[in-house]
Amino acid sequence: MAEPDGYKLVLLADASSRMRAVRFSRRQIILFTIVAVAFAGLLVYASSRLLAGWLTSMAMSEVLDENIELRQHLDRIGERLTEVDKQLTQLAQSDDRLRLVTDMPKIDDDVRQVGIGGVVSPEIDYGDEDEMVRKLIFDLDKIEREIRLQRSSFLEIERQLAEQADLLKHTPSIRPVEGGYVSSGFGRRTDPFNSRWVHHNGIDISVERGTPVFSTADGVVIHAKMVHGLGKLVVVDHGYGFATAYGHLAIINVYKGQSVTRGQKIGEVGNTGRSTAPHLHYEVHVDSKAVDPMDFFYDGYDIFAMTR
């Protein structure tokens, strides 16, 4: 008799030496194998899902921690930007005061807003940006523009101050001699030699012969020689439209083309030329027009000396 198609499993009990046979058909074995493989696959799938979930949870926890730390950094950056903005406001106030002192117009409030405009590039999507990050970027960009504006303003003020300091150095502002007294003022007077009314373009300061004569401002000597009437004469061009003349000198201590500074000795008082007694004839010209030198005798010479 032929054996049925399938497999037989023989079980042997050691204690009783009895044998028991269990028969499985091929179909049952295939079905069992499929079930076992499916169960194993399900077990592997479930394990992998659990492992993936655990790893994801760990990663998310790290991301959340990093996100919290990042937020804290952003908060600190925001605080620092706020402080920088306050300092810029103080600089703007200082800028206004400096412009007032230097006689410059204040920067308009609208200009200080340093506004910008333009079309956003379609390749850049700002929709998903964090609002806090976007605000920080905007504030930082605005502060950078304000800094550039303030730096430009300070450079302009610096140039203005330098120009004013240079103007002060080249403005006649001290007495050309120490002591003495004004024996003849600026304007119409009687000529001491012919008693005619003439215009006196300067002032005469009576002082001892040999008294040092000083340049009343920085400049360049454009004349240093004997001339008719004023005798030994020194003329200094100070720039900015200013010029001064020193006449009737006994000695000339400078030469044409020489640069001189305020307070520098340029000669000595004498009685050369058309003069009745030792004295200094002193003139101040503004834009080639003679003006009263008395208007250019300022107190506080040391203040002007500080502009050197």
Protein backbone atom coordinates (compact mmCIF):
# COMPACT_ATOMS: atom_id res chain seq x y z
CA MET A 1 0.00 0.00 0.00
CA ALA A 2 1.47 3.41 -0.99
CA GLU A 3 2.32 5.97 1.65
CA PRO A 4 0.14 9.13 1.54
CA ASP A 5 1.75 12.28 0.15
CA GLY A 6 3.12 14.25 3.08
CA TYR A 7 5.48 14.06 6.04
CA LYS A 8 5.34 12.14 9.30
CA LEU A 9 6.70 13.41 12.59
CA VAL A 10 7.67 10.65 15.06
CA LEU A 11 7.70 11.50 18.78
CA LEU A 12 9.49 9.13 21.16
CA ALA A 13 8.96 9.25 24.93
CA ASP A 14 12.10 8.08 26.81
CA ALA A 15 10.27 6.95 29.94
CA SER A 16 7.84 4.54 28.30
CA SER A 17 9.64 3.98 25.02
CA ARG A 18 6.34 4.56 23.30
CA MET A 19 6.33 6.17 19.89
CA ARG A 20 3.72 8.50 18.52
CA ALA A 21 3.53 9.59 14.92
CA VAL A 22 1.98 12.83 13.69
CA ARG A 23 1.39 13.14 9.96
CA PHE A 24 1.41 16.49 8.09
CA SER A 25 0.35 16.90 4.54
CA ARG A 26 2.35 19.01 2.09
CA ARG A 27 -0.41 21.59 2.04
CA GLN A 28 -0.35 21.89 5.84
CA ILE A 29 3.39 22.35 5.85
CA ILE A 30 3.22 25.10 3.20
CA LEU A 31 0.44 26.85 5.08
CA PHE A 32 2.38 26.64 8.34
CA THR A 33 5.50 27.99 6.66
CA ILE A 34 3.56 30.93 5.22
CA VAL A 35 2.04 31.69 8.60
CA ALA A 36 5.43 31.49 10.32
CA VAL A 37 7.08 33.74 7.75
CA ALA A 38 4.20 36.24 7.95
CA PHE A 39 4.39 36.26 11.75
CA ALA A 40 8.14 36.78 11.65
CA GLY A 41 7.74 39.61 9.13
CA LEU A 42 5.05 41.20 11.25
CA LEU A 43 7.29 40.93 14.29
CA VAL A 44 10.20 42.52 12.43
CA TYR A 45 7.95 45.30 11.08
CA ALA A 46 6.52 46.06 14.51
CA SER A 47 9.98 46.08 16.04
CA SER A 48 11.31 48.40 13.37
CA ARG A 49 8.38 50.76 13.82
CA LEU A 50 8.93 50.84 17.56
CA LEU A 51 12.65 51.44 17.07
CA ALA A 52 12.01 54.16 14.49
CA GLY A 53 9.50 55.82 16.78
CA TRP A 54 11.95 55.76 19.66
CA LEU A 55 14.77 57.18 17.52
CA THR A 56 12.43 59.85 16.13
CA SER A 57 11.33 60.75 19.64
CA MET A 58 14.96 61.06 20.71
CA ALA A 59 15.76 63.24 17.67
CA MET A 60 12.70 65.41 18.24
CA SER A 61 13.67 65.87 21.86
CA GLU A 62 17.15 67.05 20.77
CA VAL A 63 15.62 69.34 18.15
CA LEU A 64 13.24 70.83 20.73
CA ASP A 65 16.12 71.40 23.13
CA GLU A 66 18.14 73.06 20.35
CA ASN A 67 15.10 75.11 19.36
CA ILE A 68 14.68 76.36 22.93
CA GLU A 69 18.38 77.24 23.08
CA LEU A 70 18.12 78.98 19.70
CA ARG A 71 15.15 80.99 20.92
CA GLN A 72 17.14 82.07 23.93
CA HIS A 73 19.99 83.16 21.66
CA LEU A 74 17.55 85.09 19.49
CA ASP A 75 16.10 86.78 22.55
CA ARG A 76 19.57 87.87 23.63
CA ILE A 77 20.35 89.11 20.12
CA GLY A 78 17.10 91.06 20.16
CA GLU A 79 18.04 92.66 23.48
CA ARG A 80 21.47 93.63 22.15
CA LEU A 81 19.93 95.12 19.02
CA THR A 82 17.58 97.14 21.21
CA GLU A 83 20.55 98.44 23.18
CA VAL A 84 22.42 99.30 19.96
CA ASP A 85 19.34 101.15 18.74
CA LYS A 86 19.30 103.21 21.96
CA GLN A 87 22.97 104.07 21.47
CA LEU A 88 22.26 105.12 17.89
CA THR A 89 19.51 107.40 19.20
CA GLN A 90 22.02 109.00 21.58
CA LEU A 91 24.49 109.41 18.70
CA ALA A 92 21.77 111.07 16.65
CA GLN A 93 21.17 113.53 19.49
CA SER A 94 24.89 114.26 19.70
CA ASP A 95 24.92 114.69 15.94
CA ASP A 96 22.14 117.29 16.19
CA ARG A 97 24.08 119.24 18.84
CA LEU A 98 27.31 119.15 16.80
CA ARG A 99 25.48 120.37 13.72
CA LEU A 100 24.02 123.22 15.75
CA VAL A 101 27.48 124.23 17.00
CA THR A 102 28.99 124.04 13.50
CA ASP A 103 26.07 125.94 11.95
CA MET A 104 25.03 122.94 9.85
CA PRO A 105 21.41 121.92 9.19
CA LYS A 106 20.08 118.99 11.22
CA ILE A 107 19.37 115.71 9.45
CA ASP A 108 15.64 115.52 8.78
CA ASP A 109 13.72 112.94 10.84
CA ASP A 110 12.39 111.34 7.65
CA VAL A 111 15.93 110.91 6.37
CA ARG A 112 16.94 109.30 9.67
CA GLN A 113 14.37 106.57 9.01
CA VAL A 114 16.72 105.39 6.21
CA GLY A 115 13.80 103.87 4.35
CA ILE A 116 14.28 101.37 1.56
CA GLY A 117 12.07 99.76 -1.05
CA GLY A 118 12.06 97.35 -3.95
CA VAL A 119 10.49 94.19 -5.32
CA VAL A 120 10.99 90.89 -3.51
CA SER A 121 12.65 88.31 -5.74
CA PRO A 122 10.17 85.51 -6.67
CA GLU A 123 12.88 82.92 -6.03
CA ILE A 124 12.90 83.89 -2.34
CA ASP A 125 10.02 82.60 -0.26
CA TYR A 126 9.59 84.41 3.01
CA GLY A 127 6.33 82.75 3.89
CA ASP A 128 7.80 80.00 6.10
CA GLU A 129 10.29 82.18 7.93
CA ASP A 130 9.96 82.45 11.65
CA GLU A 131 8.48 85.86 12.49
CA MET A 132 11.02 86.48 15.23
CA VAL A 133 13.94 85.76 12.89
CA ARG A 134 12.45 87.97 10.20
CA LYS A 135 12.08 90.85 12.67
CA LEU A 136 15.69 90.48 13.82
CA ILE A 137 16.92 90.50 10.23
CA PHE A 138 14.85 93.61 9.50
CA ASP A 139 16.07 95.40 12.64
CA LEU A 140 19.69 94.49 11.93
CA ASP A 141 19.44 95.73 8.36
CA LYS A 142 17.90 99.02 9.53
CA ILE A 143 20.60 99.51 12.16
CA GLU A 144 23.29 98.92 9.53
CA ARG A 145 21.73 101.64 7.35
CA GLU A 146 21.50 104.01 10.32
CA ILE A 147 25.17 103.39 11.16
CA ARG A 148 26.18 104.19 7.57
CA LEU A 149 24.13 107.40 7.70
CA GLN A 150 25.62 108.42 11.05
CA ARG A 151 29.17 107.67 9.94
CA SER A 152 28.63 109.80 6.84
CA SER A 153 27.21 112.62 8.98
CA PHE A 154 30.13 112.55 11.44
CA LEU A 155 32.60 112.70 8.53
CA GLU A 156 30.75 115.73 7.20
CA ILE A 157 30.85 117.39 10.65
CA GLU A 158 34.54 116.53 10.99
CA ARG A 159 35.28 118.22 7.66
CA GLN A 160 33.24 121.25 8.74
CA LEU A 161 35.06 121.46 12.08
CA ALA A 162 38.43 121.14 10.35
CA GLU A 163 37.48 123.89 7.95
CA GLN A 164 36.29 126.14 10.78
CA ALA A 165 39.44 125.43 12.79
CA ASP A 166 41.51 126.32 9.75
CA LEU A 167 39.41 129.46 9.24
CA LEU A 168 40.07 130.48 12.87
CA LYS A 169 43.80 130.02 12.41
CA HIS A 170 43.73 132.24 9.33
CA THR A 171 41.48 134.97 10.77
CA PRO A 172 43.31 138.06 12.13
CA SER A 173 42.43 138.06 15.83
CA ILE A 174 45.24 139.49 18.01
CA ARG A 175 47.04 142.79 18.43
CA PRO A 176 50.11 143.00 16.18
CA VAL A 177 52.17 144.52 19.02
CA GLU A 178 52.10 144.36 22.78
CA GLY A 179 51.27 147.58 24.62
CA GLY A 180 51.16 151.00 23.04
CA TYR A 181 48.04 152.93 22.16
CA VAL A 182 46.09 153.75 19.02
CA SER A 183 47.19 157.22 17.97
CA SER A 184 45.15 157.31 14.78
CA GLY A 185 42.05 155.26 14.01
CA PHE A 186 40.47 153.85 10.87
CA GLY A 187 38.56 156.18 8.54
CA ARG A 188 38.75 159.84 7.52
CA ARG A 189 41.42 161.93 9.18
CA THR A 190 43.62 164.96 8.55
CA ASP A 191 46.87 164.13 6.79
CA PRO A 192 49.71 165.01 9.23
CA PHE A 193 51.88 166.39 6.38
CA ASN A 194 49.44 168.48 4.31
CA SER A 195 46.41 168.82 6.63
CA ARG A 196 44.06 167.48 3.95
CA TRP A 197 41.18 165.13 4.72
CA VAL A 198 42.07 161.63 3.57
CA HIS A 199 40.93 158.12 4.29
CA HIS A 200 43.14 156.16 6.67
CA ASN A 201 43.01 152.48 5.66
CA GLY A 202 44.32 151.18 8.97
CA ILE A 203 45.25 152.23 12.48
CA ASP A 204 48.48 153.63 13.90
CA ILE A 205 49.75 152.14 17.14
CA SER A 206 52.33 154.29 18.94
CA VAL A 207 54.96 152.13 20.61
CA GLU A 208 58.73 152.16 21.20
CA ARG A 209 61.12 151.66 18.31
CA GLY A 210 62.26 148.03 18.07
CA THR A 211 59.05 146.62 19.59
CA PRO A 212 58.39 143.15 18.06
CA VAL A 213 55.61 142.99 15.44
CA PHE A 214 53.61 139.76 15.19
CA SER A 215 51.56 138.21 12.44
CA THR A 216 47.95 138.29 13.61
CA ALA A 217 47.02 135.00 11.89
CA ASP A 218 48.47 132.14 9.89
CA GLY A 219 49.30 132.96 6.30
CA VAL A 220 51.91 133.50 3.59
CA VAL A 221 54.05 136.61 3.18
CA ILE A 222 53.30 138.19 -0.21
CA HIS A 223 55.26 141.42 0.27
CA ALA A 224 58.35 142.18 2.35
CA LYS A 225 60.27 145.25 1.18
CA MET A 226 60.54 149.03 1.22
CA VAL A 227 57.70 150.97 -0.46
CA HIS A 228 56.92 154.66 -0.83
CA GLY A 229 54.87 156.08 2.02
CA LEU A 230 54.65 153.03 4.29
CA GLY A 231 58.41 152.45 4.40
CA LYS A 232 59.46 148.90 5.17
CA LEU A 233 56.24 146.96 4.65
CA VAL A 234 55.13 143.35 5.23
CA VAL A 235 51.88 142.07 3.74
CA VAL A 236 50.51 138.64 4.72
CA ASP A 237 47.84 136.78 2.78
CA HIS A 238 45.87 134.65 5.26
CA GLY A 239 43.47 133.02 2.83
CA TYR A 240 39.68 133.02 3.13
CA GLY A 241 39.79 136.61 1.79
CA PHE A 242 41.88 137.97 4.69
CA ALA A 243 45.09 139.99 4.35
CA THR A 244 47.04 142.19 6.76
CA ALA A 245 49.68 144.88 6.28
CA TYR A 246 52.38 146.11 8.69
CA GLY A 247 54.07 149.42 7.79
CA HIS A 248 56.89 151.76 8.91
CA LEU A 249 58.99 148.82 10.19
CA ALA A 250 62.60 149.26 11.24
CA ILE A 251 63.49 145.62 10.53
CA ILE A 252 61.80 142.94 8.42
CA ASN A 253 62.30 139.38 9.74
CA VAL A 254 60.47 137.47 6.98
CA TYR A 255 60.72 137.06 3.22
CA LYS A 256 58.24 136.84 0.37
CA GLY A 257 56.70 133.37 0.06
CA GLN A 258 57.41 132.44 3.68
CA SER A 259 54.64 130.78 5.69
CA VAL A 260 53.96 132.40 9.06
CA THR A 261 51.77 131.52 12.02
CA ARG A 262 49.72 133.61 14.40
CA GLY A 263 52.01 135.26 16.97
CA GLN A 264 55.17 134.79 14.90
CA LYS A 265 57.54 137.78 14.85
CA ILE A 266 57.70 139.31 11.37
CA GLY A 267 59.57 142.54 12.13
CA GLU A 268 60.20 145.44 14.52
CA VAL A 269 58.50 148.81 14.91
CA GLY A 270 60.32 151.71 13.22
CA ASN A 271 59.90 155.10 11.64
CA THR A 272 60.59 154.36 7.97
CA GLY A 273 58.64 155.91 5.12
CA ARG A 274 56.21 158.80 5.53
CA SER A 275 56.08 158.83 9.34
CA THR A 276 56.36 161.49 12.04
CA ALA A 277 57.52 159.16 14.86
CA PRO A 278 58.05 155.45 15.59
CA HIS A 279 54.77 153.58 15.30
CA LEU A 280 53.14 150.62 13.53
CA HIS A 281 50.68 151.18 10.74
CA TYR A 282 48.38 148.12 10.70
CA GLU A 283 45.73 147.25 8.11
CA VAL A 284 43.19 144.44 7.73
CA HIS A 285 41.61 143.67 4.34
CA VAL A 286 38.62 141.44 3.72
CA ASP A 287 38.05 140.48 0.09
CA SER A 288 40.47 143.23 -0.96
CA LYS A 289 38.55 145.90 0.99
CA ALA A 290 40.12 147.72 3.95
CA VAL A 291 38.16 147.32 7.20
CA ASP A 292 38.62 148.61 10.74
CA PRO A 293 41.35 146.48 12.41
CA MET A 294 39.81 147.21 15.82
CA ASP A 295 37.02 144.79 14.88
CA PHE A 296 39.63 142.02 14.78
CA PHE A 297 41.15 142.47 18.23
CA TYR A 298 39.67 139.53 20.14
CA ASP A 299 40.21 138.68 23.77
CA GLY A 300 41.30 135.19 24.71
CA TYR A 301 44.26 134.68 22.40
CA ASP A 302 44.95 131.31 24.04
CA ILE A 303 41.66 130.00 22.67
CA PHE A 304 42.81 130.73 19.15
CA ALA A 305 46.27 129.35 19.87
CA MET A 306 44.64 126.03 20.66
CA THR A 307 43.53 125.73 17.04
CA ARG A 308 47.11 125.30 15.84
